[in-house]
Amino acid sequence: MTQRYSRSGSIRPARGQERTVWYLMRLTGLALFVLSLSHFLILHVLYDPKDQTASFIANVRWNSLFWRANDWLFLIVLIVHAVLGIRIVVGDYTKGRTRTAVMAVFYLLGLGLFAFGTIVVATLPQPSA
């Protein structure tokens, strides 16, 4: 039986959940590249870093739904990519119940980070006019 390889030389899983995770890792990696470049450009080109304080972020940057959505999307893609990456590493080094327990902890941690990040982005009060 021959393995199908990707262009990078890594083995592409045949079918099912593993292949879905394989593609999702690549898509989230690409999204992280684009979002991190946009994040860098926003923070270091559009706005002067010496003027950026917590009040600047709350009153200027996060006053726009677009910037809140951009930061939230960056957070979500980052958490998904990180949890999938940890899943691969844990799968390489553990088996059976240990793997299930460790992954349950990491899935709960990812869910908690998602919840806290969403709460922060969604509930930051709008500045008064």
C-alpha atoms as a PDB file:
ATOM      1  CA  MET A   1       0.000   0.000   0.000  1.00  0.00           C
ATOM      2  CA  THR A   2       1.431   3.369  -0.950  1.00  0.00           C
ATOM      3  CA  GLN A   3       1.039   6.500   1.114  1.00  0.00           C
ATOM      4  CA  ARG A   4      -0.065   9.712  -0.500  1.00  0.00           C
ATOM      5  CA  TYR A   5       2.294  12.531   0.339  1.00  0.00           C
ATOM      6  CA  SER A   6       1.699  16.245   0.302  1.00  0.00           C
ATOM      7  CA  ARG A   7       4.035  18.605  -1.532  1.00  0.00           C
ATOM      8  CA  SER A   8       5.882  19.248   1.722  1.00  0.00           C
ATOM      9  CA  GLY A   9       6.600  15.549   2.121  1.00  0.00           C
ATOM     10  CA  SER A  10       4.281  14.904   5.059  1.00  0.00           C
ATOM     11  CA  ILE A  11       1.931  11.965   4.887  1.00  0.00           C
ATOM     12  CA  ARG A  12      -1.612  12.988   4.024  1.00  0.00           C
ATOM     13  CA  PRO A  13      -4.122  10.863   5.965  1.00  0.00           C
ATOM     14  CA  ALA A  14      -6.310   8.642   3.815  1.00  0.00           C
ATOM     15  CA  ARG A  15      -9.859   9.535   4.886  1.00  0.00           C
ATOM     16  CA  GLY A  16     -12.091  10.484   7.780  1.00  0.00           C
ATOM     17  CA  GLN A  17     -11.496  12.632  10.819  1.00  0.00           C
ATOM     18  CA  GLU A  18      -7.706  12.607  10.573  1.00  0.00           C
ATOM     19  CA  ARG A  19      -7.824  14.008   7.054  1.00  0.00           C
ATOM     20  CA  THR A  20     -10.269  16.700   8.161  1.00  0.00           C
ATOM     21  CA  VAL A  21      -7.902  17.691  10.987  1.00  0.00           C
ATOM     22  CA  TRP A  22      -4.974  17.610   8.535  1.00  0.00           C
ATOM     23  CA  TYR A  23      -6.732  20.096   6.222  1.00  0.00           C
ATOM     24  CA  LEU A  24      -8.005  22.212   9.114  1.00  0.00           C
ATOM     25  CA  MET A  25      -4.445  22.594  10.451  1.00  0.00           C
ATOM     26  CA  ARG A  26      -3.325  23.912   7.080  1.00  0.00           C
ATOM     27  CA  LEU A  27      -6.302  26.259   6.711  1.00  0.00           C
ATOM     28  CA  THR A  28      -5.904  27.679  10.211  1.00  0.00           C
ATOM     29  CA  GLY A  29      -2.165  28.075   9.613  1.00  0.00           C
ATOM     30  CA  LEU A  30      -2.863  30.086   6.471  1.00  0.00           C
ATOM     31  CA  ALA A  31      -5.504  32.135   8.286  1.00  0.00           C
ATOM     32  CA  LEU A  32      -3.037  32.810  11.122  1.00  0.00           C
ATOM     33  CA  PHE A  33      -0.500  34.057   8.607  1.00  0.00           C
ATOM     34  CA  VAL A  34      -2.989  36.512   7.088  1.00  0.00           C
ATOM     35  CA  LEU A  35      -4.460  37.597  10.427  1.00  0.00           C
ATOM     36  CA  SER A  36      -1.065  38.063  12.081  1.00  0.00           C
ATOM     37  CA  LEU A  37       0.077  40.246   9.176  1.00  0.00           C
ATOM     38  CA  SER A  38      -3.076  42.327   9.454  1.00  0.00           C
ATOM     39  CA  HIS A  39      -2.623  42.536  13.223  1.00  0.00           C
ATOM     40  CA  PHE A  40       0.974  43.720  12.761  1.00  0.00           C
ATOM     41  CA  LEU A  41      -0.021  46.290  10.157  1.00  0.00           C
ATOM     42  CA  ILE A  42      -2.822  47.610  12.346  1.00  0.00           C
ATOM     43  CA  LEU A  43      -0.683  47.953  15.439  1.00  0.00           C
ATOM     44  CA  HIS A  44       2.562  49.160  13.848  1.00  0.00           C
ATOM     45  CA  VAL A  45       1.649  50.926  10.600  1.00  0.00           C
ATOM     46  CA  LEU A  46      -1.894  52.319  10.870  1.00  0.00           C
ATOM     47  CA  TYR A  47      -1.421  53.518  14.441  1.00  0.00           C
ATOM     48  CA  ASP A  48       1.752  54.754  16.122  1.00  0.00           C
ATOM     49  CA  PRO A  49       2.811  52.254  18.829  1.00  0.00           C
ATOM     50  CA  LYS A  50       3.863  55.020  21.241  1.00  0.00           C
ATOM     51  CA  ASP A  51       0.259  56.260  21.341  1.00  0.00           C
ATOM     52  CA  GLN A  52      -1.275  52.858  22.062  1.00  0.00           C
ATOM     53  CA  THR A  53      -2.462  52.478  25.624  1.00  0.00           C
ATOM     54  CA  ALA A  54      -5.285  50.478  27.144  1.00  0.00           C
ATOM     55  CA  SER A  55      -7.575  53.480  26.832  1.00  0.00           C
ATOM     56  CA  PHE A  56      -6.599  53.866  23.155  1.00  0.00           C
ATOM     57  CA  ILE A  57      -7.566  50.255  22.469  1.00  0.00           C
ATOM     58  CA  ALA A  58     -10.854  50.590  24.362  1.00  0.00           C
ATOM     59  CA  ASN A  59     -11.840  54.017  23.018  1.00  0.00           C
ATOM     60  CA  VAL A  60     -10.491  54.035  19.459  1.00  0.00           C
ATOM     61  CA  ARG A  61      -9.654  50.612  18.143  1.00  0.00           C
ATOM     62  CA  TRP A  62     -12.364  48.507  19.752  1.00  0.00           C
ATOM     63  CA  ASN A  63     -14.956  51.201  19.187  1.00  0.00           C
ATOM     64  CA  SER A  64     -15.350  49.688  15.727  1.00  0.00           C
ATOM     65  CA  LEU A  65     -17.179  46.395  15.262  1.00  0.00           C
ATOM     66  CA  PHE A  66     -14.736  45.560  12.449  1.00  0.00           C
ATOM     67  CA  TRP A  67     -11.684  45.637  14.766  1.00  0.00           C
ATOM     68  CA  ARG A  68     -13.486  43.676  17.457  1.00  0.00           C
ATOM     69  CA  ALA A  69     -14.476  41.030  14.906  1.00  0.00           C
ATOM     70  CA  ASN A  70     -10.934  40.940  13.513  1.00  0.00           C
ATOM     71  CA  ASP A  71      -9.422  40.413  16.970  1.00  0.00           C
ATOM     72  CA  TRP A  72     -12.059  37.819  17.859  1.00  0.00           C
ATOM     73  CA  LEU A  73     -11.444  35.903  14.622  1.00  0.00           C
ATOM     74  CA  PHE A  74      -7.690  35.983  15.284  1.00  0.00           C
ATOM     75  CA  LEU A  75      -8.301  34.585  18.775  1.00  0.00           C
ATOM     76  CA  ILE A  76     -10.574  31.789  17.546  1.00  0.00           C
ATOM     77  CA  VAL A  77      -8.275  30.700  14.716  1.00  0.00           C
ATOM     78  CA  LEU A  78      -5.314  30.740  17.103  1.00  0.00           C
ATOM     79  CA  ILE A  79      -7.097  28.597  19.696  1.00  0.00           C
ATOM     80  CA  VAL A  80      -8.297  26.057  17.088  1.00  0.00           C
ATOM     81  CA  HIS A  81      -4.824  25.806  15.552  1.00  0.00           C
ATOM     82  CA  ALA A  82      -3.171  25.415  18.961  1.00  0.00           C
ATOM     83  CA  VAL A  83      -5.576  22.729  20.184  1.00  0.00           C
ATOM     84  CA  LEU A  84      -5.236  20.764  16.940  1.00  0.00           C
ATOM     85  CA  GLY A  85      -1.449  21.024  17.172  1.00  0.00           C
ATOM     86  CA  ILE A  86      -1.470  19.826  20.782  1.00  0.00           C
ATOM     87  CA  ARG A  87      -3.750  16.983  19.689  1.00  0.00           C
ATOM     88  CA  ILE A  88      -1.114  15.815  17.222  1.00  0.00           C
ATOM     89  CA  VAL A  89       1.712  16.002  19.765  1.00  0.00           C
ATOM     90  CA  VAL A  90      -0.292  14.234  22.484  1.00  0.00           C
ATOM     91  CA  GLY A  91      -1.268  11.538  19.968  1.00  0.00           C
ATOM     92  CA  ASP A  92       2.397  10.949  19.156  1.00  0.00           C
ATOM     93  CA  TYR A  93       3.466  10.490  22.774  1.00  0.00           C
ATOM     94  CA  THR A  94       0.503   8.970  24.615  1.00  0.00           C
ATOM     95  CA  LYS A  95      -2.034   6.208  24.039  1.00  0.00           C
ATOM     96  CA  GLY A  96      -5.268   4.935  25.533  1.00  0.00           C
ATOM     97  CA  ARG A  97      -6.806   6.503  28.624  1.00  0.00           C
ATOM     98  CA  THR A  98      -3.857   8.811  29.192  1.00  0.00           C
ATOM     99  CA  ARG A  99      -4.347  10.338  25.770  1.00  0.00           C
ATOM    100  CA  THR A 100      -8.072  10.743  26.372  1.00  0.00           C
ATOM    101  CA  ALA A 101      -7.518  12.416  29.749  1.00  0.00           C
ATOM    102  CA  VAL A 102      -4.802  14.775  28.503  1.00  0.00           C
ATOM    103  CA  MET A 103      -6.836  15.768  25.464  1.00  0.00           C
ATOM    104  CA  ALA A 104      -9.924  16.351  27.617  1.00  0.00           C
ATOM    105  CA  VAL A 105      -7.873  18.812  29.680  1.00  0.00           C
ATOM    106  CA  PHE A 106      -6.634  20.610  26.559  1.00  0.00           C
ATOM    107  CA  TYR A 107     -10.093  20.708  24.967  1.00  0.00           C
ATOM    108  CA  LEU A 108     -11.510  22.211  28.168  1.00  0.00           C
ATOM    109  CA  LEU A 109      -8.652  24.704  28.312  1.00  0.00           C
ATOM    110  CA  GLY A 110      -9.324  25.709  24.695  1.00  0.00           C
ATOM    111  CA  LEU A 111     -13.032  26.046  25.411  1.00  0.00           C
ATOM    112  CA  GLY A 112     -12.288  28.167  28.476  1.00  0.00           C
ATOM    113  CA  LEU A 113      -9.942  30.445  26.531  1.00  0.00           C
ATOM    114  CA  PHE A 114     -12.569  30.776  23.810  1.00  0.00           C
ATOM    115  CA  ALA A 115     -15.217  31.720  26.387  1.00  0.00           C
ATOM    116  CA  PHE A 116     -13.014  34.249  28.208  1.00  0.00           C
ATOM    117  CA  GLY A 117     -11.798  35.811  24.961  1.00  0.00           C
ATOM    118  CA  THR A 118     -15.325  36.095  23.616  1.00  0.00           C
ATOM    119  CA  ILE A 119     -16.526  37.666  26.861  1.00  0.00           C
ATOM    120  CA  VAL A 120     -13.728  40.248  26.773  1.00  0.00           C
ATOM    121  CA  VAL A 121     -14.261  41.172  23.112  1.00  0.00           C
ATOM    122  CA  ALA A 122     -18.055  41.213  23.354  1.00  0.00           C
ATOM    123  CA  THR A 123     -18.555  42.974  26.674  1.00  0.00           C
ATOM    124  CA  LEU A 124     -15.971  45.735  26.611  1.00  0.00           C
ATOM    125  CA  PRO A 125     -18.124  48.805  27.137  1.00  0.00           C
ATOM    126  CA  GLN A 126     -18.562  51.299  24.332  1.00  0.00           C
ATOM    127  CA  PRO A 127     -17.004  54.672  25.159  1.00  0.00           C
ATOM    128  CA  SER A 128     -19.413  57.481  25.900  1.00  0.00           C
ATOM    129  CA  ALA A 129     -19.850  60.025  23.123  1.00  0.00           C
END
